[in-house]
N, C-alpha and C. Protein backbone atom coordinates (compact mmCIF):
# COMPACT_ATOMS: atom_id res chain seq x y z
N MET A 1 7.10 -63.21 -16.58
CA MET A 1 7.92 -63.91 -17.41
C MET A 1 9.17 -63.34 -17.54
N ASP A 2 10.27 -63.95 -17.09
CA ASP A 2 11.64 -63.62 -17.49
C ASP A 2 12.34 -63.74 -18.54
N ARG A 3 13.08 -62.57 -18.67
CA ARG A 3 14.16 -63.02 -20.02
C ARG A 3 14.04 -63.98 -20.91
N LYS A 4 14.83 -64.63 -19.58
CA LYS A 4 15.60 -65.77 -20.44
C LYS A 4 14.23 -66.93 -20.99
N ASN A 5 13.14 -67.02 -19.94
CA ASN A 5 11.73 -67.90 -20.62
C ASN A 5 11.35 -67.52 -21.80
N LYS A 6 11.17 -65.64 -21.99
CA LYS A 6 10.77 -65.20 -23.36
C LYS A 6 11.43 -65.52 -23.95
N ILE A 7 12.55 -65.53 -24.45
CA ILE A 7 13.48 -65.82 -25.20
C ILE A 7 13.07 -67.61 -25.84
N ASP A 8 13.56 -68.31 -24.72
CA ASP A 8 13.22 -69.52 -24.35
C ASP A 8 11.92 -70.03 -25.67
N MET A 9 10.73 -69.28 -25.42
CA MET A 9 9.19 -69.45 -25.50
C MET A 9 9.45 -68.58 -27.37
N GLU A 10 9.90 -67.78 -27.51
CA GLU A 10 10.07 -67.43 -28.67
C GLU A 10 10.55 -68.75 -29.45
N LYS A 11 12.28 -68.84 -28.97
CA LYS A 11 12.26 -69.82 -30.10
C LYS A 11 11.40 -70.98 -29.83
N GLN A 12 11.05 -71.64 -28.97
CA GLN A 12 10.67 -72.55 -29.22
C GLN A 12 9.27 -72.61 -29.83
N LEU A 13 8.45 -71.54 -30.34
CA LEU A 13 7.44 -70.99 -30.50
C LEU A 13 7.64 -71.27 -32.42
N SER A 14 8.74 -70.11 -32.77
CA SER A 14 9.23 -70.24 -34.23
C SER A 14 9.54 -71.73 -34.37
N GLU A 15 10.32 -72.63 -34.02
CA GLU A 15 10.84 -73.76 -34.20
C GLU A 15 9.66 -74.83 -34.70
N PHE A 16 8.66 -74.02 -33.86
CA PHE A 16 7.45 -75.26 -33.65
C PHE A 16 7.02 -74.83 -34.63
N TYR A 17 6.19 -73.43 -35.48
CA TYR A 17 5.62 -73.21 -36.77
C TYR A 17 6.30 -73.22 -38.12
N SER A 18 7.78 -73.41 -37.82
CA SER A 18 8.51 -73.89 -39.20
C SER A 18 8.66 -75.29 -39.41
N THR A 19 8.23 -76.24 -38.17
CA THR A 19 8.35 -77.47 -38.75
C THR A 19 6.92 -77.59 -39.09
N LEU A 20 5.83 -77.19 -38.23
CA LEU A 20 4.60 -77.43 -39.01
C LEU A 20 4.46 -77.16 -40.85
N ASP A 21 5.33 -76.48 -41.38
CA ASP A 21 5.44 -76.26 -43.02
C ASP A 21 5.76 -77.82 -43.55
N TYR A 22 6.25 -79.01 -42.79
CA TYR A 22 6.96 -80.23 -42.75
C TYR A 22 6.24 -81.10 -42.50
N LYS A 23 5.28 -80.83 -41.44
CA LYS A 23 5.22 -81.79 -40.54
C LYS A 23 3.77 -81.50 -39.90
N PRO A 24 2.99 -81.30 -40.71
CA PRO A 24 1.13 -80.62 -40.40
C PRO A 24 0.35 -81.62 -39.37
N ILE A 25 -0.11 -80.52 -38.54
CA ILE A 25 -0.61 -81.60 -37.64
C ILE A 25 -2.19 -80.61 -37.27
N SER A 26 -3.18 -81.46 -36.79
CA SER A 26 -4.59 -80.81 -36.19
C SER A 26 -4.43 -79.58 -35.66
N ALA A 27 -5.89 -79.18 -35.73
CA ALA A 27 -5.54 -77.94 -34.60
C ALA A 27 -5.67 -78.27 -33.27
N ASN A 28 -6.40 -79.47 -33.08
CA ASN A 28 -6.52 -80.00 -31.53
C ASN A 28 -4.88 -80.19 -31.41
N ALA A 29 -4.13 -80.78 -31.82
CA ALA A 29 -3.45 -81.04 -31.40
C ALA A 29 -1.90 -79.73 -31.37
N ILE A 30 -2.25 -79.12 -32.07
CA ILE A 30 -1.51 -77.76 -32.06
C ILE A 30 -1.94 -77.07 -30.88
N SER A 31 -3.53 -77.16 -30.67
CA SER A 31 -4.04 -76.21 -29.12
C SER A 31 -3.14 -76.79 -28.16
N ILE A 32 -3.00 -78.37 -28.00
CA ILE A 32 -2.51 -78.75 -26.93
C ILE A 32 -1.23 -78.65 -26.76
N TYR A 33 -0.58 -78.72 -27.78
CA TYR A 33 1.33 -78.44 -27.81
C TYR A 33 1.23 -77.24 -27.43
N LEU A 34 0.46 -76.24 -27.69
CA LEU A 34 0.66 -74.78 -27.24
C LEU A 34 0.79 -74.28 -25.78
N ILE A 35 -0.25 -75.86 -25.26
CA ILE A 35 -0.78 -75.67 -24.04
C ILE A 35 0.10 -76.18 -22.87
N LEU A 36 0.75 -77.22 -23.71
CA LEU A 36 1.96 -78.06 -22.80
C LEU A 36 3.33 -77.17 -22.98
N LEU A 37 3.31 -76.26 -24.18
CA LEU A 37 4.73 -75.57 -24.12
C LEU A 37 4.39 -74.17 -23.15
N GLN A 38 3.24 -73.61 -23.08
CA GLN A 38 3.33 -72.46 -21.89
C GLN A 38 3.36 -73.54 -20.44
N ILE A 39 2.87 -74.59 -19.88
CA ILE A 39 3.12 -74.86 -18.70
C ILE A 39 4.62 -75.17 -18.89
N ASP A 40 4.68 -75.89 -19.41
CA ASP A 40 6.56 -75.72 -19.63
C ASP A 40 7.12 -74.44 -19.44
N CYS A 41 7.32 -73.61 -19.98
CA CYS A 41 7.60 -71.84 -19.53
C CYS A 41 7.33 -72.21 -18.44
N LYS A 42 6.33 -72.35 -17.64
CA LYS A 42 5.63 -72.01 -16.18
C LYS A 42 6.67 -72.94 -15.52
N THR A 43 7.11 -74.29 -15.80
CA THR A 43 8.04 -74.89 -15.06
C THR A 43 9.89 -74.74 -14.95
N GLU A 44 10.13 -73.56 -15.72
CA GLU A 44 10.82 -73.09 -16.61
C GLU A 44 12.02 -73.90 -16.62
N TRP A 45 11.39 -74.81 -17.91
CA TRP A 45 11.54 -75.93 -19.03
C TRP A 45 12.35 -77.07 -18.40
N LEU A 46 11.42 -77.87 -17.25
CA LEU A 46 11.62 -78.73 -16.62
C LEU A 46 12.17 -80.33 -18.06
N THR A 47 13.03 -81.22 -17.81
CA THR A 47 13.09 -82.13 -18.69
C THR A 47 11.30 -82.54 -18.56
N GLU A 48 11.00 -83.27 -17.98
CA GLU A 48 9.66 -83.83 -17.69
C GLU A 48 8.43 -83.25 -16.59
N PHE A 49 7.29 -82.89 -17.03
CA PHE A 49 5.97 -82.64 -15.91
C PHE A 49 4.83 -83.04 -16.74
N LYS A 50 4.18 -83.55 -15.36
CA LYS A 50 2.48 -84.29 -15.57
C LYS A 50 2.20 -83.21 -15.57
N VAL A 51 0.86 -83.31 -16.84
CA VAL A 51 -0.37 -83.04 -16.79
C VAL A 51 -1.41 -83.73 -17.03
N THR A 52 -2.88 -83.73 -15.99
CA THR A 52 -3.72 -84.16 -16.54
C THR A 52 -4.52 -84.05 -17.88
N ASN A 53 -5.19 -84.94 -17.81
CA ASN A 53 -6.41 -85.33 -19.17
C ASN A 53 -7.48 -83.70 -18.81
N THR A 54 -7.56 -84.16 -17.55
CA THR A 54 -8.83 -83.15 -17.39
C THR A 54 -8.49 -81.67 -17.18
N ILE A 55 -6.92 -81.45 -16.92
CA ILE A 55 -6.52 -79.73 -17.17
C ILE A 55 -6.67 -79.21 -18.63
N LEU A 56 -6.52 -80.08 -19.24
CA LEU A 56 -5.61 -79.77 -20.78
C LEU A 56 -7.14 -79.67 -21.55
N MET A 57 -8.38 -80.62 -21.07
CA MET A 57 -9.73 -80.48 -21.92
C MET A 57 -10.35 -79.44 -21.17
N SER A 58 -9.83 -78.88 -20.11
CA SER A 58 -10.48 -77.93 -19.47
C SER A 58 -10.03 -76.34 -20.04
N LYS A 59 -9.22 -76.82 -20.94
CA LYS A 59 -8.24 -75.66 -21.76
C LYS A 59 -9.11 -75.40 -23.13
N ILE A 60 -9.36 -76.56 -23.34
CA ILE A 60 -9.50 -76.19 -25.00
C ILE A 60 -11.24 -76.44 -25.10
N LYS A 61 -11.91 -75.77 -25.49
CA LYS A 61 -13.61 -75.59 -25.15
C LYS A 61 -13.79 -76.93 -26.50
N GLY A 62 -14.82 -78.12 -25.13
CA GLY A 62 -15.48 -78.79 -26.60
C GLY A 62 -14.43 -79.92 -26.94
N LEU A 63 -13.20 -80.19 -26.49
CA LEU A 63 -12.43 -81.47 -26.52
C LEU A 63 -12.21 -82.33 -25.49
N ASN A 64 -12.97 -83.44 -26.13
CA ASN A 64 -13.27 -84.79 -25.26
C ASN A 64 -12.16 -85.71 -25.11
N ILE A 65 -12.22 -86.60 -24.32
CA ILE A 65 -11.24 -87.66 -24.46
C ILE A 65 -11.08 -88.22 -25.03
N SER A 66 -11.81 -88.10 -26.03
CA SER A 66 -11.22 -89.18 -27.20
C SER A 66 -10.74 -88.48 -28.25
N ALA A 67 -11.02 -86.99 -28.07
CA ALA A 67 -10.11 -85.85 -29.44
C ALA A 67 -9.08 -85.70 -29.03
N LEU A 68 -9.01 -85.49 -27.43
CA LEU A 68 -7.79 -85.51 -26.72
C LEU A 68 -6.84 -86.53 -26.76
N GLN A 69 -7.31 -87.54 -27.05
CA GLN A 69 -5.77 -88.95 -27.24
C GLN A 69 -5.57 -88.61 -28.40
N ARG A 70 -6.45 -88.93 -29.46
CA ARG A 70 -5.57 -88.48 -30.87
C ARG A 70 -5.37 -87.53 -31.19
N ALA A 71 -5.30 -86.33 -30.45
CA ALA A 71 -4.53 -85.19 -30.98
C ALA A 71 -3.05 -85.73 -30.44
N ARG A 72 -3.13 -86.49 -29.07
CA ARG A 72 -1.64 -86.21 -28.15
C ARG A 72 -0.92 -87.58 -29.71
N ASN A 73 -1.60 -88.37 -29.72
CA ASN A 73 -1.15 -89.55 -30.40
C ASN A 73 -0.39 -88.84 -31.94
N GLU A 74 -1.10 -87.82 -32.00
CA GLU A 74 -0.72 -87.25 -33.35
C GLU A 74 0.86 -86.31 -32.96
N LEU A 75 0.49 -86.19 -31.97
CA LEU A 75 2.05 -84.90 -31.16
C LEU A 75 3.17 -86.01 -31.18
N ILE A 76 2.67 -87.35 -30.74
CA ILE A 76 3.76 -88.34 -30.63
C ILE A 76 4.23 -88.84 -31.84
N ASN A 77 2.68 -89.34 -32.59
CA ASN A 77 3.90 -89.91 -33.58
C ASN A 77 4.70 -88.62 -34.73
N ASN A 78 4.69 -88.01 -34.42
CA ASN A 78 5.30 -86.60 -35.51
C ASN A 78 6.07 -86.27 -34.61
N ASP A 79 7.07 -86.95 -33.31
CA ASP A 79 7.91 -86.35 -32.78
C ASP A 79 7.55 -85.13 -32.08
N TYR A 80 6.82 -84.68 -32.03
CA TYR A 80 6.65 -83.45 -31.26
C TYR A 80 6.47 -83.33 -29.73
N ILE A 81 6.28 -84.31 -28.79
CA ILE A 81 6.57 -84.56 -27.33
C ILE A 81 6.46 -85.86 -27.19
N LEU A 82 7.34 -86.12 -25.68
CA LEU A 82 7.25 -87.85 -25.54
C LEU A 82 6.47 -87.56 -24.52
N TYR A 83 5.77 -88.82 -24.07
CA TYR A 83 4.78 -89.18 -23.74
C TYR A 83 4.89 -90.38 -22.91
N LYS A 84 4.66 -90.67 -21.63
CA LYS A 84 4.36 -91.65 -20.46
C LYS A 84 3.48 -91.46 -19.78
N LYS A 85 2.98 -92.80 -19.73
CA LYS A 85 1.18 -93.37 -19.10
C LYS A 85 1.75 -93.59 -18.08
N ARG A 86 1.09 -92.87 -16.57
CA ARG A 86 1.23 -92.55 -15.63
C ARG A 86 0.64 -93.68 -15.23
N SER A 87 1.09 -94.47 -14.31
CA SER A 87 0.15 -95.71 -13.41
C SER A 87 -1.40 -95.16 -12.79
N LYS A 88 -1.88 -96.07 -12.54
CA LYS A 88 -3.08 -95.85 -12.01
C LYS A 88 -2.78 -95.65 -10.22
N SER A 89 -1.70 -96.35 -9.82
CA SER A 89 -1.52 -95.57 -8.44
C SER A 89 -1.26 -94.45 -8.35
N GLU A 90 -0.74 -93.02 -9.20
CA GLU A 90 0.01 -92.50 -9.15
C GLU A 90 -0.85 -91.44 -9.14
């Protein structure tokens, strides 16, 4: 990780944890957010990127599709992430 990405990651984490003080979310939602943040950092902070449910579920032990969907909706409803459902043809 280069210096710029390290600074961006530190800034994002600091803001995220500060926001949790007044916008708390579940442990699964926090885990998904951190995974997405790591992926975003690897893409060098693209505005938009794709991650499959399978990838997210493989990174959190015991996370099933319904728990993933609940956690993702929590992140969306609390304005932590923007989400676009992909079409079946993609």
